[in-house]
Amino acid sequence: MSKKQTETPILADEVLGKSEAFVLKNKNIILGAILAIIVIAGGIMAYDTFVATPKKAEADKAIFHAEHYFIKGEYESALNGDGVNAGFLKVIEDHSGTPAANIAHAYAGLSYVQLGDIDNAIKYLEDFSGNDRIVSPKVKSALATCYAQKENWSKAIDLLLEAADKAKNVAVTPECWRDAAAIYEKTGKNEEARKLYERIKNEYPESHVAIDADKLINSVK
C-alpha cells in the first residue's frame, strides 16, 4: 500500500479567518490525510489480525483488490468489484464480523464521498467502528465533513469534537478543533471558535495548525 499521500485539511483553505467562505468546494477535500492513514493503518491492521484464523485470512484476501482500486481512484470498481474480484460492498456482505469488513465500511464511505453520494457515504462511515486514536477519529472527522456538506452544522461540530477528544494527539486533535471552529464561525458563534483556536495555540503549539493560530484568533475577535 502506498504511503505517498498528500495531507490536506478537511475544510477548504479559505475557511481560515474567513468564516463566510466556508464552502466544501470539492469532494476530494475529505480525503487527504484520512486517505493516507486509513490505507496505511488499515493494511497494518489487516496484516496483524487477519492471519489469526482462516476466516480472517480469507477476508484479507478478498479486500486486497478493492483497496488497490481505491488507491488508484477507481471508486466504482473499489465498491462493486471488477467482475472477478470483490469490491468493498461484497466484502462487507460476505465477511461480516471480520476486521476486513469493518475497514471496508470506511473505504466504502470514502469511495461514496468521491462519487458524490453523501448519503451513502454517511451510511457506511457510521457503520465503521474502532477504538484506536488515529484511524477511528479520522473516520469520524470525515463523517463530520459529510454532515457539513449537508449543512447539518451541529452534528458536524459534535463529531469533530468527539474525534478530537478520542484522538488526543497532535496528528488529529488540532485539525478537528480547527474545523469545528470554522463551523462555529460560519454559524456566528465566534466566542466558541476563539476558544478552540486558543486551545490549538496553547495545547498543541507544535502542530502545523498552530502556525496560523494568531491569525485565526484575530479573525474572531
C-alpha atoms as a PDB file:
ATOM      1  CA  MET A   1       0.000   0.000   0.000  1.00  0.00           C
ATOM      2  CA  SER A   2       1.259   3.422  -0.892  1.00  0.00           C
ATOM      3  CA  LYS A   3       2.387   5.830   1.773  1.00  0.00           C
ATOM      4  CA  LYS A   4       2.761   8.667  -0.692  1.00  0.00           C
ATOM      5  CA  GLN A   5      -0.348  10.675   0.021  1.00  0.00           C
ATOM      6  CA  THR A   6      -0.768  14.422   0.323  1.00  0.00           C
ATOM      7  CA  GLU A   7      -2.042  15.696   3.636  1.00  0.00           C
ATOM      8  CA  THR A   8      -4.840  18.181   3.048  1.00  0.00           C
ATOM      9  CA  PRO A   9      -7.089  19.964   5.574  1.00  0.00           C
ATOM     10  CA  ILE A  10     -10.608  18.606   5.632  1.00  0.00           C
ATOM     11  CA  LEU A  11     -12.078  22.057   5.117  1.00  0.00           C
ATOM     12  CA  ALA A  12     -11.215  24.491   2.370  1.00  0.00           C
ATOM     13  CA  ASP A  13      -8.232  26.753   2.998  1.00  0.00           C
ATOM     14  CA  GLU A  14     -10.458  29.820   2.628  1.00  0.00           C
ATOM     15  CA  VAL A  15     -12.122  28.947   5.925  1.00  0.00           C
ATOM     16  CA  LEU A  16      -9.033  30.127   7.806  1.00  0.00           C
ATOM     17  CA  GLY A  17     -10.013  33.524   9.137  1.00  0.00           C
ATOM     18  CA  LYS A  18     -12.891  33.838   6.639  1.00  0.00           C
ATOM     19  CA  SER A  19     -15.915  32.064   8.015  1.00  0.00           C
ATOM     20  CA  GLU A  20     -18.143  33.428   5.270  1.00  0.00           C
ATOM     21  CA  ALA A  21     -16.084  31.383   2.819  1.00  0.00           C
ATOM     22  CA  PHE A  22     -16.912  28.078   4.484  1.00  0.00           C
ATOM     23  CA  VAL A  23     -17.528  26.075   1.339  1.00  0.00           C
ATOM     24  CA  LEU A  24     -16.649  22.496   0.618  1.00  0.00           C
ATOM     25  CA  LYS A  25     -15.676  23.204  -2.960  1.00  0.00           C
ATOM     26  CA  ASN A  26     -14.500  19.759  -3.870  1.00  0.00           C
ATOM     27  CA  LYS A  27     -15.328  16.299  -2.645  1.00  0.00           C
ATOM     28  CA  ASN A  28     -11.624  15.420  -2.772  1.00  0.00           C
ATOM     29  CA  ILE A  29     -11.121  17.635   0.279  1.00  0.00           C
ATOM     30  CA  ILE A  30     -12.492  14.897   2.519  1.00  0.00           C
ATOM     31  CA  LEU A  31      -9.635  12.521   1.734  1.00  0.00           C
ATOM     32  CA  GLY A  32      -6.162  13.968   2.247  1.00  0.00           C
ATOM     33  CA  ALA A  33      -4.688  12.724   5.484  1.00  0.00           C
ATOM     34  CA  ILE A  34      -7.713  10.498   6.113  1.00  0.00           C
ATOM     35  CA  LEU A  35      -6.990   8.521   2.971  1.00  0.00           C
ATOM     36  CA  ALA A  36      -3.334   8.037   3.799  1.00  0.00           C
ATOM     37  CA  ILE A  37      -3.941   6.998   7.370  1.00  0.00           C
ATOM     38  CA  ILE A  38      -6.759   4.578   6.604  1.00  0.00           C
ATOM     39  CA  VAL A  39      -4.888   2.929   3.752  1.00  0.00           C
ATOM     40  CA  ILE A  40      -1.699   2.530   5.760  1.00  0.00           C
ATOM     41  CA  ALA A  41      -3.248   1.716   9.119  1.00  0.00           C
ATOM     42  CA  GLY A  42      -5.902  -0.453   7.511  1.00  0.00           C
ATOM     43  CA  GLY A  43      -3.195  -2.509   5.896  1.00  0.00           C
ATOM     44  CA  ILE A  44      -1.316  -2.858   9.149  1.00  0.00           C
ATOM     45  CA  MET A  45      -4.498  -3.889  10.924  1.00  0.00           C
ATOM     46  CA  ALA A  46      -5.183  -6.439   8.233  1.00  0.00           C
ATOM     47  CA  TYR A  47      -1.709  -7.935   8.368  1.00  0.00           C
ATOM     48  CA  ASP A  48      -1.609  -8.138  12.136  1.00  0.00           C
ATOM     49  CA  THR A  49      -5.092  -9.515  12.566  1.00  0.00           C
ATOM     50  CA  PHE A  50      -6.280 -11.482   9.566  1.00  0.00           C
ATOM     51  CA  VAL A  51      -3.724 -14.280   9.739  1.00  0.00           C
ATOM     52  CA  ALA A  52      -5.175 -15.493  13.029  1.00  0.00           C
ATOM     53  CA  THR A  53      -7.936 -17.627  11.521  1.00  0.00           C
ATOM     54  CA  PRO A  54      -8.814 -18.931   8.062  1.00  0.00           C
ATOM     55  CA  LYS A  55     -11.948 -16.756   8.058  1.00  0.00           C
ATOM     56  CA  LYS A  56      -9.953 -13.597   8.642  1.00  0.00           C
ATOM     57  CA  ALA A  57      -7.291 -14.628   6.174  1.00  0.00           C
ATOM     58  CA  GLU A  58      -9.985 -15.134   3.535  1.00  0.00           C
ATOM     59  CA  ALA A  59     -11.390 -11.681   4.280  1.00  0.00           C
ATOM     60  CA  ASP A  60      -7.906 -10.195   3.973  1.00  0.00           C
ATOM     61  CA  LYS A  61      -7.525 -11.746   0.553  1.00  0.00           C
ATOM     62  CA  ALA A  62     -10.968 -10.566  -0.519  1.00  0.00           C
ATOM     63  CA  ILE A  63     -10.337  -6.903   0.292  1.00  0.00           C
ATOM     64  CA  PHE A  64      -6.945  -6.678  -1.409  1.00  0.00           C
ATOM     65  CA  HIS A  65      -8.122  -5.824  -4.927  1.00  0.00           C
ATOM     66  CA  ALA A  66     -10.738  -3.349  -3.663  1.00  0.00           C
ATOM     67  CA  GLU A  67      -8.025  -1.485  -1.775  1.00  0.00           C
ATOM     68  CA  HIS A  68      -5.934  -1.440  -4.952  1.00  0.00           C
ATOM     69  CA  TYR A  69      -8.762   0.181  -6.921  1.00  0.00           C
ATOM     70  CA  PHE A  70      -9.359   2.650  -4.104  1.00  0.00           C
ATOM     71  CA  ILE A  71      -5.734   3.786  -4.121  1.00  0.00           C
ATOM     72  CA  LYS A  72      -5.894   4.198  -7.904  1.00  0.00           C
ATOM     73  CA  GLY A  73      -9.008   6.360  -7.584  1.00  0.00           C
ATOM     74  CA  GLU A  74     -11.266   3.855  -9.357  1.00  0.00           C
ATOM     75  CA  TYR A  75     -14.045   4.129  -6.830  1.00  0.00           C
ATOM     76  CA  GLU A  76     -16.798   2.296  -8.699  1.00  0.00           C
ATOM     77  CA  SER A  77     -14.570  -0.764  -9.028  1.00  0.00           C
ATOM     78  CA  ALA A  78     -13.459  -0.354  -5.414  1.00  0.00           C
ATOM     79  CA  LEU A  79     -17.089  -0.508  -4.308  1.00  0.00           C
ATOM     80  CA  ASN A  80     -18.513  -3.078  -6.689  1.00  0.00           C
ATOM     81  CA  GLY A  81     -15.552  -5.124  -7.831  1.00  0.00           C
ATOM     82  CA  ASP A  82     -14.399  -5.826 -11.364  1.00  0.00           C
ATOM     83  CA  GLY A  83     -16.477  -8.878 -12.222  1.00  0.00           C
ATOM     84  CA  VAL A  84     -13.820 -11.221 -10.896  1.00  0.00           C
ATOM     85  CA  ASN A  85     -12.611  -9.684  -7.666  1.00  0.00           C
ATOM     86  CA  ALA A  86     -14.867  -8.444  -4.890  1.00  0.00           C
ATOM     87  CA  GLY A  87     -15.386  -4.799  -4.036  1.00  0.00           C
ATOM     88  CA  PHE A  88     -15.867  -3.338  -0.589  1.00  0.00           C
ATOM     89  CA  LEU A  89     -19.628  -3.880  -0.642  1.00  0.00           C
ATOM     90  CA  LYS A  90     -19.183  -7.596  -1.297  1.00  0.00           C
ATOM     91  CA  VAL A  91     -16.530  -7.849   1.404  1.00  0.00           C
ATOM     92  CA  ILE A  92     -18.963  -6.278   3.852  1.00  0.00           C
ATOM     93  CA  GLU A  93     -21.704  -8.680   2.790  1.00  0.00           C
ATOM     94  CA  ASP A  94     -19.653 -11.877   2.709  1.00  0.00           C
ATOM     95  CA  HIS A  95     -17.263 -11.304   5.600  1.00  0.00           C
ATOM     96  CA  SER A  96     -19.429  -9.653   8.231  1.00  0.00           C
ATOM     97  CA  GLY A  97     -17.828  -9.549  11.653  1.00  0.00           C
ATOM     98  CA  THR A  98     -14.241  -9.534  10.420  1.00  0.00           C
ATOM     99  CA  PRO A  99     -11.797  -6.642  10.703  1.00  0.00           C
ATOM    100  CA  ALA A 100     -11.741  -6.580   6.882  1.00  0.00           C
ATOM    101  CA  ALA A 101     -15.473  -5.914   6.728  1.00  0.00           C
ATOM    102  CA  ASN A 102     -15.107  -3.207   9.348  1.00  0.00           C
ATOM    103  CA  ILE A 103     -12.371  -1.307   7.494  1.00  0.00           C
ATOM    104  CA  ALA A 104     -14.325  -1.883   4.267  1.00  0.00           C
ATOM    105  CA  HIS A 105     -17.079   0.312   5.721  1.00  0.00           C
ATOM    106  CA  ALA A 106     -14.591   3.175   5.996  1.00  0.00           C
ATOM    107  CA  TYR A 107     -13.269   2.597   2.499  1.00  0.00           C
ATOM    108  CA  ALA A 108     -16.799   2.342   1.097  1.00  0.00           C
ATOM    109  CA  GLY A 109     -17.845   5.565   2.799  1.00  0.00           C
ATOM    110  CA  LEU A 110     -14.888   7.458   1.382  1.00  0.00           C
ATOM    111  CA  SER A 111     -15.491   5.931  -2.048  1.00  0.00           C
ATOM    112  CA  TYR A 112     -19.056   7.223  -1.997  1.00  0.00           C
ATOM    113  CA  VAL A 113     -17.755  10.644  -0.986  1.00  0.00           C
ATOM    114  CA  GLN A 114     -15.591  10.659  -4.089  1.00  0.00           C
ATOM    115  CA  LEU A 115     -18.580   9.680  -6.205  1.00  0.00           C
ATOM    116  CA  GLY A 116     -20.669  12.498  -4.731  1.00  0.00           C
ATOM    117  CA  ASP A 117     -23.103  10.212  -2.902  1.00  0.00           C
ATOM    118  CA  ILE A 118     -23.024  11.794   0.537  1.00  0.00           C
ATOM    119  CA  ASP A 119     -25.994   9.840   1.913  1.00  0.00           C
ATOM    120  CA  ASN A 120     -24.308   6.502   1.276  1.00  0.00           C
ATOM    121  CA  ALA A 121     -21.019   7.952   2.482  1.00  0.00           C
ATOM    122  CA  ILE A 122     -22.659   8.753   5.811  1.00  0.00           C
ATOM    123  CA  LYS A 123     -24.270   5.317   5.986  1.00  0.00           C
ATOM    124  CA  TYR A 124     -21.020   3.413   5.591  1.00  0.00           C
ATOM    125  CA  LEU A 125     -18.803   5.741   7.601  1.00  0.00           C
ATOM    126  CA  GLU A 126     -21.245   5.473  10.507  1.00  0.00           C
ATOM    127  CA  ASP A 127     -21.009   1.681  10.345  1.00  0.00           C
ATOM    128  CA  PHE A 128     -17.252   1.713  10.887  1.00  0.00           C
ATOM    129  CA  SER A 129     -16.160   1.090  14.469  1.00  0.00           C
ATOM    130  CA  GLY A 130     -12.785   1.399  16.118  1.00  0.00           C
ATOM    131  CA  ASN A 131     -11.106   2.218  19.399  1.00  0.00           C
ATOM    132  CA  ASP A 132      -7.739   3.440  18.175  1.00  0.00           C
ATOM    133  CA  ARG A 133      -6.603   7.059  18.390  1.00  0.00           C
ATOM    134  CA  ILE A 134      -5.802   7.651  14.730  1.00  0.00           C
ATOM    135  CA  VAL A 135      -7.996   5.808  12.214  1.00  0.00           C
ATOM    136  CA  SER A 136     -11.240   5.968  14.169  1.00  0.00           C
ATOM    137  CA  PRO A 137     -11.044   9.743  14.834  1.00  0.00           C
ATOM    138  CA  LYS A 138     -10.100  10.353  11.199  1.00  0.00           C
ATOM    139  CA  VAL A 139     -13.140   8.416  10.011  1.00  0.00           C
ATOM    140  CA  LYS A 140     -15.277  10.399  12.437  1.00  0.00           C
ATOM    141  CA  SER A 141     -13.876  13.654  11.076  1.00  0.00           C
ATOM    142  CA  ALA A 142     -14.668  12.510   7.526  1.00  0.00           C
ATOM    143  CA  LEU A 143     -18.200  11.784   8.669  1.00  0.00           C
ATOM    144  CA  ALA A 144     -18.357  15.274  10.172  1.00  0.00           C
ATOM    145  CA  THR A 145     -17.419  16.767   6.830  1.00  0.00           C
ATOM    146  CA  CYS A 146     -20.216  14.820   5.159  1.00  0.00           C
ATOM    147  CA  TYR A 147     -22.701  16.315   7.600  1.00  0.00           C
ATOM    148  CA  ALA A 148     -21.188  19.730   6.954  1.00  0.00           C
ATOM    149  CA  GLN A 149     -21.858  19.254   3.243  1.00  0.00           C
ATOM    150  CA  LYS A 150     -25.495  18.665   4.166  1.00  0.00           C
ATOM    151  CA  GLU A 151     -25.346  21.819   6.318  1.00  0.00           C
ATOM    152  CA  ASN A 152     -26.050  19.867   9.486  1.00  0.00           C
ATOM    153  CA  TRP A 153     -23.663  22.089  11.376  1.00  0.00           C
ATOM    154  CA  SER A 154     -24.445  20.918  14.914  1.00  0.00           C
ATOM    155  CA  LYS A 155     -23.899  17.261  14.017  1.00  0.00           C
ATOM    156  CA  ALA A 156     -20.665  18.106  12.234  1.00  0.00           C
ATOM    157  CA  ILE A 157     -19.358  20.029  15.252  1.00  0.00           C
ATOM    158  CA  ASP A 158     -20.310  17.253  17.666  1.00  0.00           C
ATOM    159  CA  LEU A 159     -18.468  14.670  15.578  1.00  0.00           C
ATOM    160  CA  LEU A 160     -15.362  16.832  15.250  1.00  0.00           C
ATOM    161  CA  LEU A 161     -15.211  17.470  18.986  1.00  0.00           C
ATOM    162  CA  GLU A 162     -15.717  13.756  19.656  1.00  0.00           C
ATOM    163  CA  ALA A 163     -12.924  12.915  17.224  1.00  0.00           C
ATOM    164  CA  ALA A 164     -10.592  15.440  18.843  1.00  0.00           C
ATOM    165  CA  ASP A 165     -11.313  14.067  22.309  1.00  0.00           C
ATOM    166  CA  LYS A 166     -10.903  10.471  21.169  1.00  0.00           C
ATOM    167  CA  ALA A 167      -7.589  11.164  19.460  1.00  0.00           C
ATOM    168  CA  LYS A 168      -5.887  13.444  21.960  1.00  0.00           C
ATOM    169  CA  ASN A 169      -2.822  13.696  19.764  1.00  0.00           C
ATOM    170  CA  VAL A 170      -1.086  16.288  17.633  1.00  0.00           C
ATOM    171  CA  ALA A 171      -1.816  14.450  14.396  1.00  0.00           C
ATOM    172  CA  VAL A 172      -5.595  14.689  14.699  1.00  0.00           C
ATOM    173  CA  THR A 173      -6.883  16.884  17.515  1.00  0.00           C
ATOM    174  CA  PRO A 174      -5.751  20.334  16.297  1.00  0.00           C
ATOM    175  CA  GLU A 175      -7.223  19.741  12.836  1.00  0.00           C
ATOM    176  CA  CYS A 176     -10.551  18.679  14.328  1.00  0.00           C
ATOM    177  CA  TRP A 177     -10.630  21.740  16.573  1.00  0.00           C
ATOM    178  CA  ARG A 178      -9.782  23.996  13.638  1.00  0.00           C
ATOM    179  CA  ASP A 179     -12.577  22.546  11.529  1.00  0.00           C
ATOM    180  CA  ALA A 180     -15.086  22.728  14.372  1.00  0.00           C
ATOM    181  CA  ALA A 181     -14.066  26.340  14.983  1.00  0.00           C
ATOM    182  CA  ALA A 182     -14.558  27.106  11.309  1.00  0.00           C
ATOM    183  CA  ILE A 183     -18.120  25.865  11.539  1.00  0.00           C
ATOM    184  CA  TYR A 184     -18.658  27.928  14.680  1.00  0.00           C
ATOM    185  CA  GLU A 185     -17.508  30.940  12.668  1.00  0.00           C
ATOM    186  CA  LYS A 186     -19.850  30.027   9.853  1.00  0.00           C
ATOM    187  CA  THR A 187     -22.786  29.892  12.255  1.00  0.00           C
ATOM    188  CA  GLY A 188     -21.897  33.124  14.047  1.00  0.00           C
ATOM    189  CA  LYS A 189     -20.517  31.570  17.246  1.00  0.00           C
ATOM    190  CA  ASN A 190     -17.252  33.465  17.305  1.00  0.00           C
ATOM    191  CA  GLU A 191     -16.614  33.028  21.015  1.00  0.00           C
ATOM    192  CA  GLU A 192     -16.733  29.240  20.721  1.00  0.00           C
ATOM    193  CA  ALA A 193     -14.459  29.451  17.696  1.00  0.00           C
ATOM    194  CA  ARG A 194     -11.977  31.647  19.555  1.00  0.00           C
ATOM    195  CA  LYS A 195     -11.768  29.190  22.448  1.00  0.00           C
ATOM    196  CA  LEU A 196     -10.896  26.339  20.124  1.00  0.00           C
ATOM    197  CA  TYR A 197      -8.287  28.366  18.261  1.00  0.00           C
ATOM    198  CA  GLU A 198      -6.712  29.300  21.584  1.00  0.00           C
ATOM    199  CA  ARG A 199      -6.671  25.655  22.651  1.00  0.00           C
ATOM    200  CA  ILE A 200      -4.786  24.803  19.467  1.00  0.00           C
ATOM    201  CA  LYS A 201      -2.225  27.511  20.216  1.00  0.00           C
ATOM    202  CA  ASN A 202      -1.813  26.604  23.883  1.00  0.00           C
ATOM    203  CA  GLU A 203      -2.159  22.811  23.879  1.00  0.00           C
ATOM    204  CA  TYR A 204      -0.629  21.858  20.535  1.00  0.00           C
ATOM    205  CA  PRO A 205       1.886  24.608  19.683  1.00  0.00           C
ATOM    206  CA  GLU A 206       3.955  22.087  17.713  1.00  0.00           C
ATOM    207  CA  SER A 207       1.058  21.384  15.336  1.00  0.00           C
ATOM    208  CA  HIS A 208       1.153  22.746  11.794  1.00  0.00           C
ATOM    209  CA  VAL A 209      -2.301  24.159  12.513  1.00  0.00           C
ATOM    210  CA  ALA A 210      -0.853  26.317  15.304  1.00  0.00           C
ATOM    211  CA  ILE A 211       1.222  28.231  12.766  1.00  0.00           C
ATOM    212  CA  ASP A 212      -1.941  30.149  11.873  1.00  0.00           C
ATOM    213  CA  ALA A 213      -3.286  30.286  15.440  1.00  0.00           C
ATOM    214  CA  ASP A 214      -2.830  34.022  15.975  1.00  0.00           C
ATOM    215  CA  LYS A 215      -4.395  34.788  12.620  1.00  0.00           C
ATOM    216  CA  LEU A 216      -7.334  32.548  13.429  1.00  0.00           C
ATOM    217  CA  ILE A 217      -7.799  34.059  16.877  1.00  0.00           C
ATOM    218  CA  ASN A 218      -7.736  37.581  15.474  1.00  0.00           C
ATOM    219  CA  SER A 219     -10.334  36.629  12.875  1.00  0.00           C
ATOM    220  CA  VAL A 220     -12.976  36.074  15.547  1.00  0.00           C
ATOM    221  CA  LYS A 221     -12.209  38.978  17.884  1.00  0.00           C
END
